[in-house]
Amino acid sequence: MNLTYEKCGDYLIPNLIPNPEPEGELRKFGLMRKSYLENHRRGIYSGLLLSGELKKHLLMIQEQAEERFNLLVKQMARQEGVTEQMKEQNQMLWVKRMNNVRSAAEGSVLRELVFI
């Protein structure tokens, strides 16, 4: 971070120029991580915010969480026997099992990546 100063009376006041924020939209896991840091890890949140690295951190966690979630859903669905054939034959059973799989995968991702 390059600091320049402006003289104001007898004092030198730093001209703080923030780093440009990375491109990307925060979605579910990124917003949950931000909320968690704000409410439970104030020091980490403040440090990231002041250094200009908060959005970069949130986007990184979001990307990792989404990749992990998708991988877990595929693996758990295969393990539970949730198939396209089941979807064609008994849609309600398929929805029930997929909701269980997605819920378990989300809980795992939240514990492993978001709420640490």
Protein backbone atom coordinates (compact mmCIF):
# COMPACT_ATOMS: atom_id res chain seq x y z
CA MET A 1 0.00 0.00 0.00
CA ASN A 2 1.55 3.30 -1.07
CA LEU A 3 0.92 6.11 1.37
CA THR A 4 1.10 9.74 0.50
CA TYR A 5 0.61 12.57 2.94
CA GLU A 6 -1.14 15.90 2.78
CA LYS A 7 -0.07 18.72 5.03
CA CYS A 8 -2.96 20.11 7.05
CA GLY A 9 -1.73 22.87 9.33
CA ASP A 10 1.14 21.41 11.33
CA TYR A 11 0.06 17.81 10.71
CA LEU A 12 0.68 15.33 7.93
CA ILE A 13 -2.52 13.42 7.19
CA PRO A 14 -2.20 10.14 5.22
CA ASN A 15 -4.12 9.85 1.97
CA LEU A 16 -5.50 6.36 2.24
CA ILE A 17 -6.21 4.89 -1.17
CA PRO A 18 -8.04 1.55 -0.98
CA ASN A 19 -6.98 -1.34 -3.19
CA PRO A 20 -9.41 -2.09 -5.99
CA GLU A 21 -11.87 -4.79 -4.96
CA PRO A 22 -11.82 -8.06 -6.87
CA GLU A 23 -14.64 -8.71 -9.30
CA GLY A 24 -17.29 -11.16 -8.27
CA GLU A 25 -20.62 -11.38 -6.54
CA LEU A 26 -20.98 -12.76 -3.05
CA ARG A 27 -23.48 -15.57 -2.86
CA LYS A 28 -24.75 -17.85 -0.10
CA PHE A 29 -21.49 -19.20 1.37
CA GLY A 30 -19.60 -15.92 0.96
CA LEU A 31 -22.33 -13.97 2.72
CA MET A 32 -22.56 -16.56 5.49
CA ARG A 33 -18.78 -16.34 6.03
CA LYS A 34 -18.97 -12.55 6.18
CA SER A 35 -21.78 -12.67 8.74
CA TYR A 36 -19.88 -15.22 10.82
CA LEU A 37 -16.71 -13.12 10.84
CA GLU A 38 -18.66 -9.95 11.72
CA ASN A 39 -20.48 -11.57 14.63
CA HIS A 40 -17.99 -14.09 16.03
CA ARG A 41 -14.48 -13.22 14.79
CA ARG A 42 -14.35 -9.43 15.01
CA GLY A 43 -10.53 -9.30 15.01
CA ILE A 44 -10.18 -11.30 11.81
CA TYR A 45 -13.00 -9.35 10.20
CA SER A 46 -11.49 -5.99 11.13
CA GLY A 47 -8.02 -7.04 9.99
CA LEU A 48 -9.28 -8.21 6.60
CA LEU A 49 -11.44 -5.12 6.20
CA LEU A 50 -8.64 -2.70 7.05
CA SER A 51 -6.12 -4.44 4.80
CA GLY A 52 -8.59 -4.44 1.89
CA GLU A 53 -8.53 -8.24 1.66
CA LEU A 54 -12.04 -8.98 2.93
CA LYS A 55 -13.80 -9.44 -0.41
CA LYS A 56 -10.89 -11.46 -1.80
CA HIS A 57 -11.08 -13.76 1.25
CA LEU A 58 -14.87 -14.10 1.00
CA LEU A 59 -14.73 -14.94 -2.71
CA MET A 60 -12.03 -17.55 -2.08
CA ILE A 61 -14.05 -19.21 0.71
CA GLN A 62 -17.18 -19.05 -1.44
CA GLU A 63 -15.46 -20.76 -4.38
CA GLN A 64 -13.98 -23.50 -2.18
CA ALA A 65 -17.31 -24.06 -0.41
CA GLU A 66 -19.29 -24.31 -3.66
CA GLU A 67 -16.81 -26.77 -5.17
CA ARG A 68 -16.82 -28.87 -2.01
CA PHE A 69 -20.63 -28.78 -1.79
CA ASN A 70 -21.07 -29.95 -5.39
CA LEU A 71 -18.53 -32.74 -4.93
CA LEU A 72 -20.16 -33.93 -1.70
CA VAL A 73 -23.65 -33.90 -3.23
CA LYS A 74 -22.48 -36.08 -6.13
CA GLN A 75 -20.64 -38.52 -3.87
CA MET A 76 -23.39 -38.76 -1.27
CA ALA A 77 -26.13 -39.14 -3.89
CA ARG A 78 -24.21 -42.00 -5.48
CA GLN A 79 -23.69 -43.61 -2.07
CA GLU A 80 -27.39 -43.28 -1.16
CA GLY A 81 -28.49 -44.73 -4.50
CA VAL A 82 -30.18 -41.56 -5.73
CA THR A 83 -30.32 -41.96 -9.51
CA GLU A 84 -32.11 -40.54 -12.52
CA GLN A 85 -34.04 -43.81 -12.73
CA MET A 86 -35.37 -43.19 -9.21
CA LYS A 87 -36.30 -39.67 -10.29
CA GLU A 88 -38.40 -41.07 -13.15
CA GLN A 89 -40.06 -43.79 -11.08
CA ASN A 90 -40.73 -42.06 -7.73
CA GLN A 91 -40.20 -38.31 -7.79
CA MET A 92 -41.21 -37.67 -4.20
CA LEU A 93 -38.74 -40.24 -2.85
CA TRP A 94 -36.03 -38.75 -5.07
CA VAL A 95 -36.78 -35.23 -3.79
CA LYS A 96 -36.76 -36.45 -0.18
CA ARG A 97 -33.41 -38.19 -0.53
CA MET A 98 -31.82 -35.35 -2.51
CA ASN A 99 -32.94 -32.83 0.13
CA ASN A 100 -31.34 -35.02 2.80
CA VAL A 101 -28.14 -35.30 0.78
CA ARG A 102 -27.98 -31.55 0.10
CA SER A 103 -28.67 -30.74 3.75
CA ALA A 104 -25.92 -33.07 4.97
CA ALA A 105 -23.46 -31.73 2.38
CA GLU A 106 -24.25 -28.14 3.32
CA GLY A 107 -23.76 -28.86 7.01
CA SER A 108 -20.40 -30.44 6.30
CA VAL A 109 -19.26 -27.49 4.17
CA LEU A 110 -20.38 -24.99 6.80
CA ARG A 111 -18.45 -26.79 9.53
CA GLU A 112 -15.32 -27.32 7.42
CA LEU A 113 -15.00 -23.98 5.59
CA VAL A 114 -17.42 -21.28 6.64
CA PHE A 115 -17.63 -21.45 10.43
CA ILE A 116 -13.95 -21.84 11.29
